Amino acid sequence: MTSIFDPGGRQVACTIIEAGPCVVTQVKTQDSDGYSALQLAFGDKTEKHTNNAEKNHFAKAATSAKKIVKEFRNYSIEKNLGDTITVEIFAEGETVEVVGTSKGKGFQGVVKRHGFTGVGGASHGQHDRSRAPGSLGNSSDASRVMKGVRMAGRAGNDRVKLKGLKVLKVFPDKNYILVSGSVPGHNGSIVLIQK
């Protein structure tokens, strides 16, 4: 993340995202596939790590193998196979959605994972109970722990969608887009930007 100053002089937190260039690798239509969609590919992939099916698929679009391939339905732009899409499709001031995978935090207890407060103060003589989860299940009726009980476990590493991020600036020469706020994931992670 970084920050810039808006025309009013206020400091605005923002994130720089490299968005493109993306190559159109397949155009699906209602007649041939039963629905209309646009398949985009991003990021170069070495030939060593590309199988024959991928090589033939990308050869139809006259491009080299790519790391990330995503499909977009309900698109509003008309593109042909092999065309390139850059950040110029975004305009300053419009809102976008950013989808990514959040940072993984490993195995965490209930206090960090779910915001439990623990016992807090006095515990009538018990010790080491300040971060314990407390009671987990029923006694004799169910005699088991019910599904969905919030317990310790792996935190983070989830799919996160942030809506309503404002496009602050577009840099077409470098394929950078500047969006307000933060985006999910660590530095250098892959995110999906939707209009």
Protein backbone atom coordinates (compact mmCIF):
# COMPACT_ATOMS: atom_id res chain seq x y z
CA MET A 1 0.00 0.00 0.00
CA THR A 2 0.90 3.62 -0.46
CA SER A 3 -0.89 6.93 -0.26
CA ILE A 4 -1.51 9.98 -2.42
CA PHE A 5 -3.07 13.40 -1.88
CA ASP A 6 -6.43 14.10 -3.51
CA PRO A 7 -7.33 17.48 -5.05
CA GLY A 8 -8.79 18.56 -1.68
CA GLY A 9 -5.44 18.02 0.06
CA ARG A 10 -6.49 14.91 1.99
CA GLN A 11 -4.20 11.89 2.19
CA VAL A 12 -5.84 8.78 0.63
CA ALA A 13 -4.57 5.24 1.21
CA CYS A 14 -4.29 3.28 -2.03
CA THR A 15 -2.78 0.21 -3.68
CA ILE A 16 -0.91 -0.05 -6.98
CA ILE A 17 -1.95 -3.04 -9.12
CA GLU A 18 -0.31 -4.18 -12.34
CA ALA A 19 -3.32 -4.98 -14.51
CA GLY A 20 -2.30 -6.38 -17.83
CA PRO A 21 -1.72 -6.66 -20.59
CA CYS A 22 -4.21 -9.52 -20.80
CA VAL A 23 -4.66 -11.56 -23.97
CA VAL A 24 -8.05 -12.84 -25.18
CA THR A 25 -7.48 -16.61 -25.47
CA GLN A 26 -11.08 -17.69 -26.14
CA VAL A 27 -14.37 -16.05 -27.05
CA LYS A 28 -17.39 -18.13 -26.05
CA THR A 29 -20.72 -17.45 -27.70
CA GLN A 30 -24.31 -18.46 -27.09
CA ASP A 31 -24.37 -20.52 -30.28
CA SER A 32 -21.21 -22.57 -29.75
CA ASP A 33 -20.97 -22.85 -25.94
CA GLY A 34 -24.45 -22.10 -24.63
CA TYR A 35 -23.36 -18.86 -22.95
CA SER A 36 -21.26 -15.82 -23.80
CA ALA A 37 -17.94 -15.26 -22.06
CA LEU A 38 -14.50 -13.85 -22.63
CA GLN A 39 -11.42 -15.80 -21.51
CA LEU A 40 -8.39 -13.70 -20.57
CA ALA A 41 -4.82 -14.81 -19.81
CA PHE A 42 -2.10 -12.99 -17.86
CA GLY A 43 1.53 -13.61 -16.91
CA ASP A 44 4.10 -15.47 -19.00
CA LYS A 45 4.78 -19.15 -18.37
CA THR A 46 7.89 -21.05 -19.42
CA GLU A 47 7.61 -23.71 -22.09
CA LYS A 48 9.08 -26.25 -19.68
CA HIS A 49 6.05 -25.93 -17.40
CA THR A 50 3.45 -25.95 -20.20
CA ASN A 51 1.70 -29.11 -21.36
CA ASN A 52 0.60 -29.77 -24.95
CA ALA A 53 -3.05 -28.93 -24.33
CA GLU A 54 -2.09 -25.47 -23.06
CA LYS A 55 0.36 -24.94 -25.93
CA ASN A 56 -2.32 -25.68 -28.53
CA HIS A 57 -4.91 -23.56 -26.72
CA PHE A 58 -2.63 -20.51 -26.60
CA ALA A 59 -1.40 -21.10 -30.15
CA LYS A 60 -4.95 -20.43 -31.41
CA ALA A 61 -4.66 -16.95 -29.94
CA ALA A 62 -1.13 -16.57 -31.37
CA THR A 63 0.41 -15.97 -27.95
CA SER A 64 2.83 -17.70 -25.60
CA ALA A 65 1.68 -19.74 -22.60
CA LYS A 66 0.25 -17.78 -19.68
CA LYS A 67 0.12 -18.49 -15.93
CA ILE A 68 -3.38 -17.25 -15.11
CA VAL A 69 -6.50 -17.90 -17.23
CA LYS A 70 -9.87 -16.47 -16.13
CA GLU A 71 -13.28 -16.32 -17.74
CA PHE A 72 -15.51 -13.25 -17.61
CA ARG A 73 -19.24 -13.46 -18.29
CA ASN A 74 -21.50 -10.51 -19.03
CA TYR A 75 -18.68 -8.47 -20.52
CA SER A 76 -19.45 -5.20 -22.27
CA ILE A 77 -16.46 -4.96 -24.62
CA GLU A 78 -16.24 -6.59 -28.03
CA LYS A 79 -12.91 -8.34 -28.55
CA ASN A 80 -11.61 -10.98 -30.94
CA LEU A 81 -9.31 -13.93 -30.34
CA GLY A 82 -5.74 -12.74 -29.75
CA ASP A 83 -6.62 -9.13 -28.89
CA THR A 84 -4.91 -7.45 -25.97
CA ILE A 85 -6.75 -5.73 -23.13
CA THR A 86 -4.89 -3.11 -21.09
CA VAL A 87 -5.71 -0.84 -18.16
CA GLU A 88 -7.25 1.65 -20.56
CA ILE A 89 -10.62 -0.06 -20.06
CA PHE A 90 -10.69 1.51 -16.57
CA ALA A 91 -11.53 5.16 -16.04
CA GLU A 92 -10.56 7.34 -13.12
CA GLY A 93 -13.40 7.75 -10.63
CA GLU A 94 -15.24 4.50 -11.37
CA THR A 95 -15.65 1.74 -8.77
CA VAL A 96 -14.31 -1.80 -9.14
CA GLU A 97 -14.34 -5.07 -7.24
CA VAL A 98 -11.07 -6.80 -6.34
CA VAL A 99 -11.00 -10.54 -5.60
CA GLY A 100 -7.98 -12.26 -4.07
CA THR A 101 -6.74 -14.73 -1.49
CA SER A 102 -6.08 -13.28 1.96
CA LYS A 103 -2.82 -13.80 3.81
CA GLY A 104 -2.56 -17.16 5.56
CA LYS A 105 -2.00 -16.89 9.30
CA GLY A 106 -1.49 -20.56 10.15
CA PHE A 107 -3.06 -22.39 13.07
CA GLN A 108 -4.60 -19.85 15.47
CA GLY A 109 -6.56 -20.00 18.70
CA VAL A 110 -10.09 -18.79 19.21
CA VAL A 111 -9.05 -15.36 20.48
CA LYS A 112 -7.23 -14.41 17.28
CA ARG A 113 -9.37 -16.44 14.88
CA HIS A 114 -12.88 -15.55 16.15
CA GLY A 115 -12.33 -12.66 18.55
CA PHE A 116 -13.16 -14.53 21.76
CA THR A 117 -12.25 -12.59 24.92
CA GLY A 118 -11.38 -15.52 27.17
CA VAL A 119 -12.13 -15.52 30.88
CA GLY A 120 -10.82 -12.02 31.37
CA GLY A 121 -10.49 -11.50 35.13
CA ALA A 122 -10.91 -13.90 38.03
CA SER A 123 -11.69 -17.53 37.27
CA HIS A 124 -12.31 -19.04 40.74
CA GLY A 125 -8.88 -20.61 41.00
CA GLN A 126 -8.42 -21.91 37.46
CA HIS A 127 -5.19 -21.01 35.76
CA ASP A 128 -4.22 -20.65 32.09
CA ARG A 129 -7.85 -20.10 31.08
CA SER A 130 -7.54 -16.58 29.70
CA ARG A 131 -7.45 -17.71 26.02
CA ALA A 132 -9.41 -20.98 26.27
CA PRO A 133 -12.51 -21.54 24.09
CA GLY A 134 -14.84 -22.59 26.91
CA SER A 135 -17.65 -25.13 26.53
CA LEU A 136 -17.85 -26.85 23.13
CA GLY A 137 -20.92 -29.05 23.06
CA ASN A 138 -23.99 -30.49 24.74
CA SER A 139 -24.04 -32.96 27.59
CA SER A 140 -26.21 -36.06 27.28
CA ASP A 141 -28.68 -35.04 24.60
CA ALA A 142 -26.42 -34.78 21.60
CA SER A 143 -23.29 -36.17 23.29
CA ARG A 144 -21.11 -34.65 20.60
CA VAL A 145 -19.79 -31.37 19.33
CA MET A 146 -22.21 -29.90 16.79
CA LYS A 147 -21.05 -28.82 13.33
CA GLY A 148 -20.08 -25.20 12.91
CA VAL A 149 -18.82 -24.60 16.44
CA ARG A 150 -16.13 -21.92 16.35
CA MET A 151 -12.88 -23.46 17.48
CA ALA A 152 -9.16 -23.07 16.91
CA GLY A 153 -7.87 -23.83 13.42
CA ARG A 154 -6.25 -22.40 10.34
CA ALA A 155 -6.93 -18.71 9.86
CA GLY A 156 -6.69 -16.67 6.68
CA ASN A 157 -5.95 -18.04 3.20
CA ASP A 158 -9.58 -17.41 2.18
CA ARG A 159 -11.11 -15.95 -0.97
CA VAL A 160 -11.98 -12.32 -0.28
CA LYS A 161 -13.93 -9.90 -2.47
CA LEU A 162 -13.70 -6.17 -1.76
CA LYS A 163 -16.42 -4.07 -3.39
CA GLY A 164 -16.61 -0.37 -4.06
CA LEU A 165 -12.90 0.38 -4.48
CA LYS A 166 -12.46 3.63 -6.38
CA VAL A 167 -10.04 3.92 -9.29
CA LEU A 168 -7.85 6.90 -8.39
CA LYS A 169 -5.38 6.88 -11.31
CA VAL A 170 -4.57 4.86 -14.42
CA PHE A 171 -1.05 4.62 -15.85
CA PRO A 172 -1.46 3.16 -19.40
CA ASP A 173 2.26 3.26 -20.22
CA LYS A 174 3.15 0.95 -17.29
CA ASN A 175 -0.19 -0.96 -17.05
CA TYR A 176 -0.66 0.21 -13.46
CA ILE A 177 -3.96 1.03 -11.82
CA LEU A 178 -4.24 2.87 -8.51
CA VAL A 179 -7.25 1.84 -6.37
CA SER A 180 -8.33 3.25 -3.03
CA GLY A 181 -7.81 1.19 0.11
CA SER A 182 -6.19 -2.21 0.46
CA VAL A 183 -6.58 -5.39 -1.55
CA PRO A 184 -6.45 -8.97 -0.21
CA GLY A 185 -3.22 -10.94 -0.28
CA HIS A 186 0.49 -10.38 0.17
CA ASN A 187 2.73 -8.24 -2.02
CA GLY A 188 3.01 -9.71 -5.50
CA SER A 189 -0.07 -11.92 -5.22
CA ILE A 190 -2.53 -12.36 -8.10
CA VAL A 191 -5.88 -10.53 -7.83
CA LEU A 192 -8.90 -10.28 -10.10
CA ILE A 193 -10.34 -6.87 -10.95
CA GLN A 194 -13.99 -6.69 -12.00
CA LYS A 195 -15.96 -3.67 -13.18
